[in-house]
Amino acid sequence: MTKPTPPGWYPDMSDSRGLERYWNGSAWEDRFRRKGSLDELTSRPPKETTARRPLPQKPPPSGKATVITLVVIVALIGFMAASCLGGGDEDQTRPSDSTSEQGSTQSSSDLIGTRKLVEQTCRDAVKNRLKSPSSAEFSGIETTQENDAGTKWTVEGSVDSENTFGASIRNTFTCSSTYDIASETASTNVTRMSEN
């Protein structure tokens, strides 16, 4: 024979909000309270529309976070206003089939990828001219976009590498790169390379 459950407060299995209900030893009573509370509720609160408990509220953002958020919002509003007002009769959206010097123009995120690609092809072209390419250490790289379409680039910088005798020498260089938007490839020529 099983031992009867003694009277007391027990979790209300019909409610997922953490309420407790009073068991008098033989039946459930219509007495409720929040789990761990000593105060009884006058009635069972209505169920929420969802079974999830509300998430704890986050503390208000710090002053620094608020300032950063405001700066970003103001910048976005300014950018949108410039986009809407700055073009006159010209269409600012530039359809994907619009052409420039070598196909359609690139978005800013595409330009970042293109910049990295032309820098790498320049480094590779410079290494091909060195006596010890594996010792090459590049510095002071400056990359300039020469047209709005992002198809013409100039890369300048310096490279330290070992010569035939193992001595470290520094060369400055300039590369001219052309990016083909359709094939997403870059061709690069070293237009200047001089030993310092």
N, C-alpha and C. Protein backbone atom coordinates (compact mmCIF):
# COMPACT_ATOMS: atom_id res chain seq x y z
N MET A 1 0.84 -1.19 0.00
CA MET A 1 0.00 0.00 0.00
C MET A 1 0.88 1.24 0.00
N THR A 2 0.54 2.21 -0.86
CA THR A 2 1.34 3.43 -0.96
C THR A 2 0.95 4.40 0.13
N LYS A 3 1.94 5.15 0.59
CA LYS A 3 1.72 6.12 1.65
C LYS A 3 1.07 7.35 1.04
N PRO A 4 0.01 7.92 1.63
CA PRO A 4 -0.65 9.10 1.05
C PRO A 4 0.26 10.32 1.13
N THR A 5 0.08 11.19 0.14
CA THR A 5 0.87 12.42 0.11
C THR A 5 0.37 13.37 1.17
N PRO A 6 1.28 13.88 2.02
CA PRO A 6 0.84 14.76 3.11
C PRO A 6 0.37 16.10 2.57
N PRO A 7 -0.48 16.81 3.31
CA PRO A 7 -0.93 18.13 2.88
C PRO A 7 0.26 19.08 2.74
N GLY A 8 0.13 20.02 1.80
CA GLY A 8 1.20 21.01 1.61
C GLY A 8 1.15 21.64 0.23
N TRP A 9 2.12 22.49 -0.03
CA TRP A 9 2.24 23.19 -1.32
C TRP A 9 3.11 22.37 -2.26
N TYR A 10 2.58 22.14 -3.47
CA TYR A 10 3.28 21.33 -4.46
C TYR A 10 3.23 22.05 -5.82
N PRO A 11 4.20 21.75 -6.70
CA PRO A 11 4.17 22.38 -8.03
C PRO A 11 2.86 22.07 -8.75
N ASP A 12 2.29 23.12 -9.35
CA ASP A 12 1.05 22.96 -10.12
C ASP A 12 1.42 22.46 -11.51
N MET A 13 1.22 21.16 -11.76
CA MET A 13 1.62 20.55 -13.03
C MET A 13 0.81 21.04 -14.22
N SER A 14 -0.34 21.66 -13.96
CA SER A 14 -1.16 22.15 -15.07
C SER A 14 -0.75 23.57 -15.48
N ASP A 15 0.30 24.12 -14.86
CA ASP A 15 0.70 25.50 -15.13
C ASP A 15 2.22 25.53 -15.23
N SER A 16 2.74 26.10 -16.31
CA SER A 16 4.19 26.10 -16.54
C SER A 16 4.86 27.35 -16.02
N ARG A 17 4.17 28.16 -15.22
CA ARG A 17 4.73 29.44 -14.78
C ARG A 17 5.36 29.37 -13.39
N GLY A 18 5.51 28.19 -12.84
CA GLY A 18 6.14 28.07 -11.54
C GLY A 18 5.20 28.28 -10.36
N LEU A 19 3.90 28.11 -10.58
CA LEU A 19 2.96 28.26 -9.47
C LEU A 19 2.92 26.99 -8.64
N GLU A 20 2.54 27.16 -7.38
CA GLU A 20 2.30 26.02 -6.50
C GLU A 20 0.82 26.00 -6.13
N ARG A 21 0.30 24.79 -5.91
CA ARG A 21 -1.11 24.62 -5.54
C ARG A 21 -1.16 23.82 -4.24
N TYR A 22 -2.18 24.10 -3.43
CA TYR A 22 -2.26 23.45 -2.12
C TYR A 22 -3.00 22.11 -2.22
N TRP A 23 -2.35 21.07 -1.68
CA TRP A 23 -2.92 19.71 -1.58
C TRP A 23 -3.30 19.49 -0.12
N ASN A 24 -4.60 19.20 0.14
CA ASN A 24 -5.06 19.07 1.53
C ASN A 24 -4.91 17.65 2.08
N GLY A 25 -4.29 16.78 1.34
CA GLY A 25 -4.10 15.39 1.77
C GLY A 25 -4.99 14.44 1.01
N SER A 26 -6.10 14.97 0.43
CA SER A 26 -6.99 14.10 -0.32
C SER A 26 -7.43 14.73 -1.64
N ALA A 27 -7.33 16.07 -1.78
CA ALA A 27 -7.75 16.74 -3.01
C ALA A 27 -7.01 18.07 -3.16
N TRP A 28 -6.98 18.55 -4.38
CA TRP A 28 -6.39 19.86 -4.66
C TRP A 28 -7.39 20.95 -4.31
N GLU A 29 -6.92 22.01 -3.67
CA GLU A 29 -7.76 23.15 -3.36
C GLU A 29 -7.46 24.27 -4.36
N ASP A 30 -8.38 25.21 -4.44
CA ASP A 30 -8.18 26.35 -5.33
C ASP A 30 -7.37 27.43 -4.62
N ARG A 31 -6.22 27.07 -4.12
CA ARG A 31 -5.30 27.99 -3.46
C ARG A 31 -3.97 27.92 -4.20
N PHE A 32 -3.48 29.06 -4.59
CA PHE A 32 -2.26 29.13 -5.40
C PHE A 32 -1.29 30.13 -4.81
N ARG A 33 -0.03 29.94 -5.12
CA ARG A 33 1.01 30.92 -4.75
C ARG A 33 2.19 30.75 -5.71
N ARG A 34 2.99 31.78 -5.77
CA ARG A 34 4.21 31.69 -6.57
C ARG A 34 5.19 30.78 -5.84
N LYS A 35 5.99 30.05 -6.58
CA LYS A 35 6.91 29.09 -5.99
C LYS A 35 7.83 29.79 -4.99
N GLY A 36 7.90 29.24 -3.78
CA GLY A 36 8.76 29.77 -2.74
C GLY A 36 8.19 30.96 -2.00
N SER A 37 7.04 31.49 -2.44
CA SER A 37 6.43 32.65 -1.78
C SER A 37 5.56 32.18 -0.62
N LEU A 38 5.45 33.04 0.38
CA LEU A 38 4.56 32.72 1.51
C LEU A 38 3.19 33.34 1.31
N ASP A 39 3.07 34.24 0.33
CA ASP A 39 1.81 34.94 0.08
C ASP A 39 0.95 34.15 -0.90
N GLU A 40 -0.28 33.87 -0.48
CA GLU A 40 -1.20 33.18 -1.37
C GLU A 40 -1.80 34.16 -2.36
N LEU A 41 -2.12 33.64 -3.55
CA LEU A 41 -2.82 34.44 -4.54
C LEU A 41 -4.32 34.27 -4.31
N THR A 42 -5.07 35.31 -4.57
CA THR A 42 -6.52 35.21 -4.35
C THR A 42 -7.16 34.27 -5.35
N SER A 43 -6.56 34.14 -6.50
CA SER A 43 -7.05 33.20 -7.50
C SER A 43 -5.89 32.84 -8.41
N ARG A 44 -6.08 31.82 -9.25
CA ARG A 44 -5.03 31.46 -10.19
C ARG A 44 -4.95 32.56 -11.26
N PRO A 45 -3.77 33.12 -11.49
CA PRO A 45 -3.66 34.13 -12.54
C PRO A 45 -3.95 33.51 -13.89
N PRO A 46 -4.50 34.30 -14.83
CA PRO A 46 -4.78 33.74 -16.16
C PRO A 46 -3.49 33.30 -16.83
N LYS A 47 -3.60 32.25 -17.63
CA LYS A 47 -2.43 31.74 -18.34
C LYS A 47 -2.00 32.73 -19.40
N GLU A 48 -0.69 32.73 -19.65
CA GLU A 48 -0.14 33.58 -20.70
C GLU A 48 -0.48 32.97 -22.05
N THR A 49 -0.37 33.76 -23.08
CA THR A 49 -0.71 33.25 -24.41
C THR A 49 0.35 32.29 -24.92
N THR A 50 1.56 32.36 -24.39
CA THR A 50 2.59 31.41 -24.80
C THR A 50 3.06 30.65 -23.57
N ALA A 51 3.64 29.50 -23.79
CA ALA A 51 4.08 28.67 -22.68
C ALA A 51 5.42 29.13 -22.13
N ARG A 52 6.11 30.01 -22.82
CA ARG A 52 7.42 30.45 -22.37
C ARG A 52 7.31 31.48 -21.26
N ARG A 53 8.25 31.41 -20.37
CA ARG A 53 8.35 32.43 -19.34
C ARG A 53 8.99 33.66 -19.94
N PRO A 54 8.65 34.84 -19.44
CA PRO A 54 9.29 36.03 -19.99
C PRO A 54 10.77 36.02 -19.68
N LEU A 55 11.57 36.47 -20.64
CA LEU A 55 13.01 36.54 -20.44
C LEU A 55 13.33 37.66 -19.47
N PRO A 56 14.37 37.50 -18.68
CA PRO A 56 14.74 38.59 -17.78
C PRO A 56 15.14 39.82 -18.59
N GLN A 57 14.79 40.98 -18.07
CA GLN A 57 15.10 42.20 -18.79
C GLN A 57 16.58 42.50 -18.69
N LYS A 58 17.12 42.99 -19.79
CA LYS A 58 18.52 43.38 -19.80
C LYS A 58 18.65 44.73 -19.14
N PRO A 59 19.81 44.97 -18.52
CA PRO A 59 20.00 46.29 -17.92
C PRO A 59 20.06 47.34 -19.02
N PRO A 60 19.73 48.59 -18.71
CA PRO A 60 19.79 49.61 -19.75
C PRO A 60 21.22 49.75 -20.24
N PRO A 61 21.40 50.12 -21.52
CA PRO A 61 22.75 50.23 -22.07
C PRO A 61 23.55 51.32 -21.36
N SER A 62 24.86 51.12 -21.36
CA SER A 62 25.73 52.11 -20.74
C SER A 62 25.76 53.37 -21.58
N GLY A 63 26.29 54.42 -21.02
CA GLY A 63 26.36 55.70 -21.75
C GLY A 63 27.15 55.58 -23.03
N LYS A 64 28.26 54.84 -23.00
CA LYS A 64 29.10 54.67 -24.19
C LYS A 64 28.33 53.94 -25.29
N ALA A 65 27.62 52.86 -24.91
CA ALA A 65 26.85 52.10 -25.90
C ALA A 65 25.75 52.97 -26.51
N THR A 66 25.13 53.81 -25.69
CA THR A 66 24.07 54.70 -26.18
C THR A 66 24.63 55.69 -27.18
N VAL A 67 25.79 56.26 -26.88
CA VAL A 67 26.41 57.22 -27.79
C VAL A 67 26.76 56.55 -29.11
N ILE A 68 27.34 55.36 -29.06
CA ILE A 68 27.70 54.64 -30.29
C ILE A 68 26.45 54.34 -31.11
N THR A 69 25.38 53.90 -30.44
CA THR A 69 24.13 53.61 -31.14
C THR A 69 23.60 54.86 -31.83
N LEU A 70 23.62 55.99 -31.13
CA LEU A 70 23.13 57.24 -31.73
C LEU A 70 23.98 57.66 -32.92
N VAL A 71 25.29 57.51 -32.83
CA VAL A 71 26.18 57.87 -33.94
C VAL A 71 25.86 57.01 -35.16
N VAL A 72 25.65 55.71 -34.95
CA VAL A 72 25.33 54.81 -36.07
C VAL A 72 23.99 55.20 -36.70
N ILE A 73 23.00 55.50 -35.87
CA ILE A 73 21.68 55.88 -36.39
C ILE A 73 21.77 57.17 -37.20
N VAL A 74 22.49 58.17 -36.67
CA VAL A 74 22.64 59.44 -37.39
C VAL A 74 23.37 59.23 -38.71
N ALA A 75 24.40 58.38 -38.71
CA ALA A 75 25.14 58.11 -39.94
C ALA A 75 24.24 57.44 -40.98
N LEU A 76 23.41 56.48 -40.54
CA LEU A 76 22.50 55.81 -41.47
C LEU A 76 21.47 56.77 -42.05
N ILE A 77 20.94 57.65 -41.19
CA ILE A 77 19.96 58.63 -41.68
C ILE A 77 20.62 59.56 -42.68
N GLY A 78 21.84 60.01 -42.38
CA GLY A 78 22.56 60.88 -43.31
C GLY A 78 22.84 60.20 -44.63
N PHE A 79 23.24 58.94 -44.58
CA PHE A 79 23.51 58.19 -45.80
C PHE A 79 22.24 58.04 -46.65
N MET A 80 21.12 57.72 -45.97
CA MET A 80 19.87 57.55 -46.71
C MET A 80 19.41 58.88 -47.32
N ALA A 81 19.58 59.97 -46.56
CA ALA A 81 19.19 61.28 -47.09
C ALA A 81 20.05 61.65 -48.30
N ALA A 82 21.35 61.41 -48.21
CA ALA A 82 22.24 61.72 -49.33
C ALA A 82 21.89 60.88 -50.55
N SER A 83 21.53 59.62 -50.33
CA SER A 83 21.17 58.74 -51.44
C SER A 83 19.90 59.22 -52.13
N CYS A 84 18.94 59.71 -51.33
CA CYS A 84 17.66 60.14 -51.89
C CYS A 84 17.75 61.52 -52.55
N LEU A 85 18.53 62.43 -51.96
CA LEU A 85 18.53 63.81 -52.42
C LEU A 85 19.68 64.16 -53.35
N GLY A 86 20.76 63.42 -53.29
CA GLY A 86 21.98 63.85 -53.97
C GLY A 86 22.02 63.61 -55.46
N GLY A 87 21.13 62.86 -56.03
CA GLY A 87 21.31 62.47 -57.41
C GLY A 87 20.56 63.27 -58.44
N GLY A 88 19.69 64.16 -58.08
CA GLY A 88 18.91 64.90 -59.08
C GLY A 88 18.07 63.94 -59.89
N ASP A 89 18.22 64.03 -61.23
CA ASP A 89 17.45 63.16 -62.12
C ASP A 89 18.09 61.79 -62.29
N GLU A 90 19.33 61.63 -61.83
CA GLU A 90 20.03 60.37 -62.02
C GLU A 90 19.49 59.31 -61.07
N ASP A 91 19.33 58.10 -61.58
CA ASP A 91 18.87 56.99 -60.75
C ASP A 91 20.01 56.54 -59.85
N GLN A 92 19.82 56.59 -58.52
CA GLN A 92 20.88 56.27 -57.58
C GLN A 92 21.02 54.76 -57.34
N THR A 93 20.02 53.96 -57.74
CA THR A 93 20.07 52.55 -57.41
C THR A 93 20.99 51.76 -58.33
N ARG A 94 21.31 52.28 -59.47
CA ARG A 94 22.19 51.63 -60.44
C ARG A 94 21.79 50.18 -60.66
N PRO A 95 21.00 49.90 -61.66
CA PRO A 95 20.59 48.52 -61.91
C PRO A 95 21.79 47.63 -62.18
N SER A 96 21.59 46.32 -61.98
CA SER A 96 22.70 45.39 -62.09
C SER A 96 23.26 45.30 -63.50
N ASP A 97 22.47 45.70 -64.52
CA ASP A 97 23.00 45.63 -65.88
C ASP A 97 23.68 46.93 -66.31
N SER A 98 23.82 47.90 -65.38
CA SER A 98 24.50 49.13 -65.76
C SER A 98 25.96 48.83 -66.01
N THR A 99 26.55 49.52 -66.95
CA THR A 99 27.92 49.23 -67.31
C THR A 99 28.79 50.42 -67.01
N SER A 100 30.06 50.14 -66.78
CA SER A 100 31.04 51.18 -66.60
C SER A 100 32.21 50.83 -67.48
N GLU A 101 33.39 51.11 -67.01
CA GLU A 101 34.57 50.88 -67.81
C GLU A 101 34.74 49.42 -68.19
N GLN A 102 34.37 48.52 -67.27
CA GLN A 102 34.56 47.10 -67.55
C GLN A 102 33.44 46.28 -66.93
N GLY A 103 32.20 46.65 -67.16
CA GLY A 103 31.08 45.93 -66.59
C GLY A 103 30.44 46.77 -65.50
N SER A 104 29.66 46.12 -64.67
CA SER A 104 28.92 46.84 -63.64
C SER A 104 29.85 47.27 -62.52
N THR A 105 29.42 48.29 -61.79
CA THR A 105 30.20 48.75 -60.65
C THR A 105 30.06 47.76 -59.50
N GLN A 106 30.96 47.84 -58.53
CA GLN A 106 30.96 46.91 -57.41
C GLN A 106 30.40 47.58 -56.17
N SER A 107 29.83 46.77 -55.29
CA SER A 107 29.37 47.30 -54.01
C SER A 107 30.59 47.50 -53.10
N SER A 108 30.39 48.20 -51.99
CA SER A 108 31.52 48.47 -51.10
C SER A 108 32.11 47.19 -50.53
N SER A 109 31.27 46.18 -50.23
CA SER A 109 31.82 44.93 -49.71
C SER A 109 32.61 44.19 -50.79
N ASP A 110 32.16 44.29 -52.06
CA ASP A 110 32.92 43.69 -53.16
C ASP A 110 34.25 44.40 -53.34
N LEU A 111 34.26 45.72 -53.16
CA LEU A 111 35.49 46.49 -53.32
C LEU A 111 36.54 46.09 -52.28
N ILE A 112 36.10 45.75 -51.07
CA ILE A 112 37.04 45.30 -50.05
C ILE A 112 37.69 44.00 -50.48
N GLY A 113 36.89 43.07 -51.00
CA GLY A 113 37.44 41.81 -51.49
C GLY A 113 38.37 42.03 -52.67
N THR A 114 38.00 42.95 -53.57
CA THR A 114 38.84 43.25 -54.73
C THR A 114 40.16 43.86 -54.26
N ARG A 115 40.10 44.77 -53.29
CA ARG A 115 41.32 45.39 -52.76
C ARG A 115 42.28 44.31 -52.24
N LYS A 116 41.76 43.35 -51.48
CA LYS A 116 42.61 42.28 -50.95
C LYS A 116 43.21 41.44 -52.08
N LEU A 117 42.40 41.18 -53.10
CA LEU A 117 42.88 40.37 -54.23
C LEU A 117 44.00 41.08 -54.98
N VAL A 118 43.84 42.38 -55.29
CA VAL A 118 44.89 43.08 -56.05
C VAL A 118 46.16 43.24 -55.20
N GLU A 119 46.01 43.41 -53.89
CA GLU A 119 47.19 43.47 -53.02
C GLU A 119 47.95 42.14 -53.07
N GLN A 120 47.21 41.03 -53.02
CA GLN A 120 47.86 39.72 -53.05
C GLN A 120 48.53 39.46 -54.40
N THR A 121 47.87 39.82 -55.50
CA THR A 121 48.50 39.60 -56.81
C THR A 121 49.74 40.48 -56.96
N CYS A 122 49.72 41.67 -56.37
CA CYS A 122 50.91 42.53 -56.40
C CYS A 122 52.04 41.89 -55.60
N ARG A 123 51.74 41.40 -54.40
CA ARG A 123 52.78 40.74 -53.60
C ARG A 123 53.39 39.57 -54.38
N ASP A 124 52.52 38.77 -55.03
CA ASP A 124 53.01 37.62 -55.79
C ASP A 124 53.90 38.07 -56.94
N ALA A 125 53.51 39.14 -57.65
CA ALA A 125 54.31 39.63 -58.77
C ALA A 125 55.66 40.16 -58.29
N VAL A 126 55.66 40.84 -57.14
CA VAL A 126 56.93 41.34 -56.57
C VAL A 126 57.82 40.18 -56.15
N LYS A 127 57.24 39.16 -55.51
CA LYS A 127 58.03 37.99 -55.08
C LYS A 127 58.71 37.32 -56.27
N ASN A 128 58.04 37.31 -57.42
CA ASN A 128 58.62 36.68 -58.62
C ASN A 128 59.90 37.37 -59.06
N ARG A 129 60.13 38.62 -58.62
CA ARG A 129 61.33 39.36 -59.00
C ARG A 129 62.45 39.26 -57.96
N LEU A 130 62.16 38.65 -56.81
CA LEU A 130 63.14 38.59 -55.74
C LEU A 130 64.03 37.35 -55.87
N LYS A 131 65.26 37.47 -55.33
CA LYS A 131 66.19 36.34 -55.33
C LYS A 131 65.75 35.28 -54.31
N SER A 132 65.16 35.73 -53.18
CA SER A 132 64.71 34.81 -52.13
C SER A 132 63.27 35.16 -51.75
N PRO A 133 62.28 34.72 -52.58
CA PRO A 133 60.89 35.09 -52.33
C PRO A 133 60.37 34.63 -50.96
N SER A 134 60.89 33.52 -50.45
CA SER A 134 60.39 33.01 -49.17
C SER A 134 60.79 33.90 -48.00
N SER A 135 61.78 34.76 -48.18
CA SER A 135 62.21 35.65 -47.10
C SER A 135 61.50 37.00 -47.14
N ALA A 136 60.58 37.20 -48.10
CA ALA A 136 59.93 38.50 -48.30
C ALA A 136 59.06 38.89 -47.11
N GLU A 137 59.26 40.13 -46.64
CA GLU A 137 58.41 40.72 -45.60
C GLU A 137 57.95 42.07 -46.10
N PHE A 138 56.63 42.20 -46.36
CA PHE A 138 56.06 43.42 -46.93
C PHE A 138 55.68 44.40 -45.83
N SER A 139 55.76 45.69 -46.14
CA SER A 139 55.35 46.72 -45.19
C SER A 139 54.92 47.96 -45.96
N GLY A 140 54.17 48.82 -45.27
CA GLY A 140 53.76 50.11 -45.84
C GLY A 140 52.91 49.99 -47.10
N ILE A 141 52.08 48.95 -47.17
CA ILE A 141 51.25 48.75 -48.37
C ILE A 141 50.16 49.82 -48.42
N GLU A 142 50.07 50.52 -49.53
CA GLU A 142 49.01 51.50 -49.77
C GLU A 142 48.35 51.15 -51.10
N THR A 143 47.05 50.94 -51.06
CA THR A 143 46.29 50.54 -52.24
C THR A 143 45.31 51.64 -52.59
N THR A 144 45.32 52.07 -53.86
CA THR A 144 44.48 53.17 -54.31
C THR A 144 43.56 52.68 -55.41
N GLN A 145 42.27 52.95 -55.25
CA GLN A 145 41.28 52.65 -56.29
C GLN A 145 41.31 53.80 -57.29
N GLU A 146 41.58 53.48 -58.55
CA GLU A 146 41.78 54.53 -59.55
C GLU A 146 40.52 54.93 -60.31
N ASN A 147 39.45 54.13 -60.22
CA ASN A 147 38.19 54.51 -60.88
C ASN A 147 37.00 54.07 -60.02
N ASP A 148 35.82 54.64 -60.32
CA ASP A 148 34.62 54.34 -59.54
C ASP A 148 34.17 52.89 -59.66
N ALA A 149 34.46 52.27 -60.78
CA ALA A 149 34.00 50.90 -61.02
C ALA A 149 34.79 49.88 -60.21
N GLY A 150 35.97 50.27 -59.74
CA GLY A 150 36.81 49.34 -58.99
C GLY A 150 37.55 48.37 -59.88
N THR A 151 37.85 48.79 -61.10
CA THR A 151 38.56 47.92 -62.04
C THR A 151 40.02 48.30 -62.21
N LYS A 152 40.42 49.49 -61.78
CA LYS A 152 41.81 49.95 -61.90
C LYS A 152 42.34 50.27 -60.50
N TRP A 153 43.50 49.72 -60.17
CA TRP A 153 44.09 49.87 -58.84
C TRP A 153 45.59 50.12 -58.95
N THR A 154 46.14 50.83 -57.96
CA THR A 154 47.58 51.00 -57.82
C THR A 154 47.96 50.57 -56.41
N VAL A 155 49.01 49.74 -56.32
CA VAL A 155 49.49 49.25 -55.03
C VAL A 155 50.95 49.67 -54.89
N GLU A 156 51.28 50.31 -53.75
CA GLU A 156 52.64 50.74 -53.49
C GLU A 156 53.06 50.23 -52.12
N GLY A 157 54.37 50.03 -51.94
CA GLY A 157 54.87 49.59 -50.65
C GLY A 157 56.33 49.25 -50.72
N SER A 158 56.80 48.55 -49.68
CA SER A 158 58.19 48.11 -49.66
C SER A 158 58.25 46.67 -49.21
N VAL A 159 59.38 46.02 -49.57
CA VAL A 159 59.57 44.63 -49.20
C VAL A 159 61.02 44.43 -48.79
N ASP A 160 61.22 43.74 -47.66
CA ASP A 160 62.55 43.35 -47.22
C ASP A 160 62.74 41.89 -47.58
N SER A 161 63.89 41.57 -48.19
CA SER A 161 64.17 40.18 -48.55
C SER A 161 65.69 39.99 -48.63
N GLU A 162 66.09 38.73 -48.66
CA GLU A 162 67.52 38.42 -48.76
C GLU A 162 67.96 38.46 -50.21
N ASN A 163 69.19 38.95 -50.42
CA ASN A 163 69.75 38.92 -51.76
C ASN A 163 70.52 37.61 -51.95
N THR A 164 71.28 37.51 -53.02
CA THR A 164 72.01 36.29 -53.35
C THR A 164 72.99 35.91 -52.24
N PHE A 165 73.53 36.90 -51.53
CA PHE A 165 74.53 36.65 -50.50
C PHE A 165 73.91 36.48 -49.10
N GLY A 166 72.60 36.52 -48.99
CA GLY A 166 71.92 36.34 -47.71
C GLY A 166 71.75 37.63 -46.92
N ALA A 167 72.16 38.76 -47.48
CA ALA A 167 71.98 40.04 -46.80
C ALA A 167 70.57 40.55 -47.06
N SER A 168 69.98 41.21 -46.06
CA SER A 168 68.63 41.74 -46.20
C SER A 168 68.67 43.09 -46.89
N ILE A 169 67.87 43.24 -47.91
CA ILE A 169 67.77 44.51 -48.63
C ILE A 169 66.31 44.91 -48.71
N ARG A 170 66.10 46.22 -48.88
CA ARG A 170 64.73 46.74 -48.99
C ARG A 170 64.52 47.28 -50.40
N ASN A 171 63.40 46.89 -50.99
CA ASN A 171 62.98 47.40 -52.30
C ASN A 171 61.63 48.10 -52.13
N THR A 172 61.46 49.21 -52.83
CA THR A 172 60.14 49.83 -52.92
C THR A 172 59.55 49.45 -54.27
N PHE A 173 58.24 49.38 -54.33
CA PHE A 173 57.61 48.92 -55.56
C PHE A 173 56.28 49.64 -55.79
N THR A 174 55.86 49.61 -57.05
CA THR A 174 54.53 50.08 -57.46
C THR A 174 53.97 49.05 -58.42
N CYS A 175 52.72 48.67 -58.18
CA CYS A 175 52.04 47.73 -59.08
C CYS A 175 50.81 48.41 -59.67
N SER A 176 50.52 48.06 -60.91
CA SER A 176 49.29 48.50 -61.56
C SER A 176 48.43 47.27 -61.79
N SER A 177 47.19 47.29 -61.27
CA SER A 177 46.32 46.12 -61.37
C SER A 177 45.03 46.45 -62.09
N THR A 178 44.55 45.49 -62.88
CA THR A 178 43.26 45.59 -63.54
C THR A 178 42.40 44.43 -63.05
N TYR A 179 41.20 44.76 -62.56
CA TYR A 179 40.29 43.74 -62.04
C TYR A 179 39.18 43.52 -63.04
N ASP A 180 38.95 42.25 -63.41
CA ASP A 180 37.87 41.89 -64.34
C ASP A 180 36.68 41.44 -63.50
N ILE A 181 35.62 42.25 -63.51
CA ILE A 181 34.44 41.97 -62.69
C ILE A 181 33.76 40.67 -63.11
N ALA A 182 33.69 40.42 -64.41
CA ALA A 182 32.99 39.23 -64.90
C ALA A 182 33.66 37.95 -64.43
N SER A 183 34.99 37.86 -64.53
CA SER A 183 35.69 36.63 -64.14
C SER A 183 36.21 36.67 -62.71
N GLU A 184 36.08 37.85 -62.07
CA GLU A 184 36.55 38.04 -60.69
C GLU A 184 38.03 37.69 -60.54
N THR A 185 38.84 38.16 -61.51
CA THR A 185 40.28 37.93 -61.47
C THR A 185 40.99 39.26 -61.64
N ALA A 186 42.24 39.30 -61.18
CA ALA A 186 43.04 40.52 -61.31
C ALA A 186 44.34 40.19 -62.03
N SER A 187 44.74 41.09 -62.93
CA SER A 187 46.05 40.96 -63.57
C SER A 187 46.89 42.15 -63.11
N THR A 188 48.13 41.86 -62.73
CA THR A 188 48.99 42.87 -62.11
C THR A 188 50.35 42.93 -62.77
N ASN A 189 50.85 44.15 -62.97
CA ASN A 189 52.20 44.38 -63.48
C ASN A 189 52.96 45.21 -62.46
N VAL A 190 54.23 44.84 -62.22
CA VAL A 190 55.09 45.65 -61.37
C VAL A 190 55.66 46.75 -62.26
N THR A 191 55.22 47.99 -62.03
CA THR A 191 55.65 49.10 -62.89
C THR A 191 56.91 49.79 -62.38
N ARG A 192 57.23 49.61 -61.08
CA ARG A 192 58.45 50.20 -60.53
C ARG A 192 58.93 49.34 -59.38
N MET A 193 60.25 49.05 -59.36
CA MET A 193 60.84 48.32 -58.24
C MET A 193 62.28 48.81 -58.12
N SER A 194 62.58 49.42 -56.99
CA SER A 194 63.93 49.97 -56.84
C SER A 194 64.46 49.65 -55.45
N GLU A 195 65.78 49.41 -55.39
CA GLU A 195 66.43 49.08 -54.13
C GLU A 195 66.75 50.35 -53.37
N ASN A 196 66.47 50.37 -52.09
CA ASN A 196 66.79 51.55 -51.25
C ASN A 196 68.16 51.43 -50.65
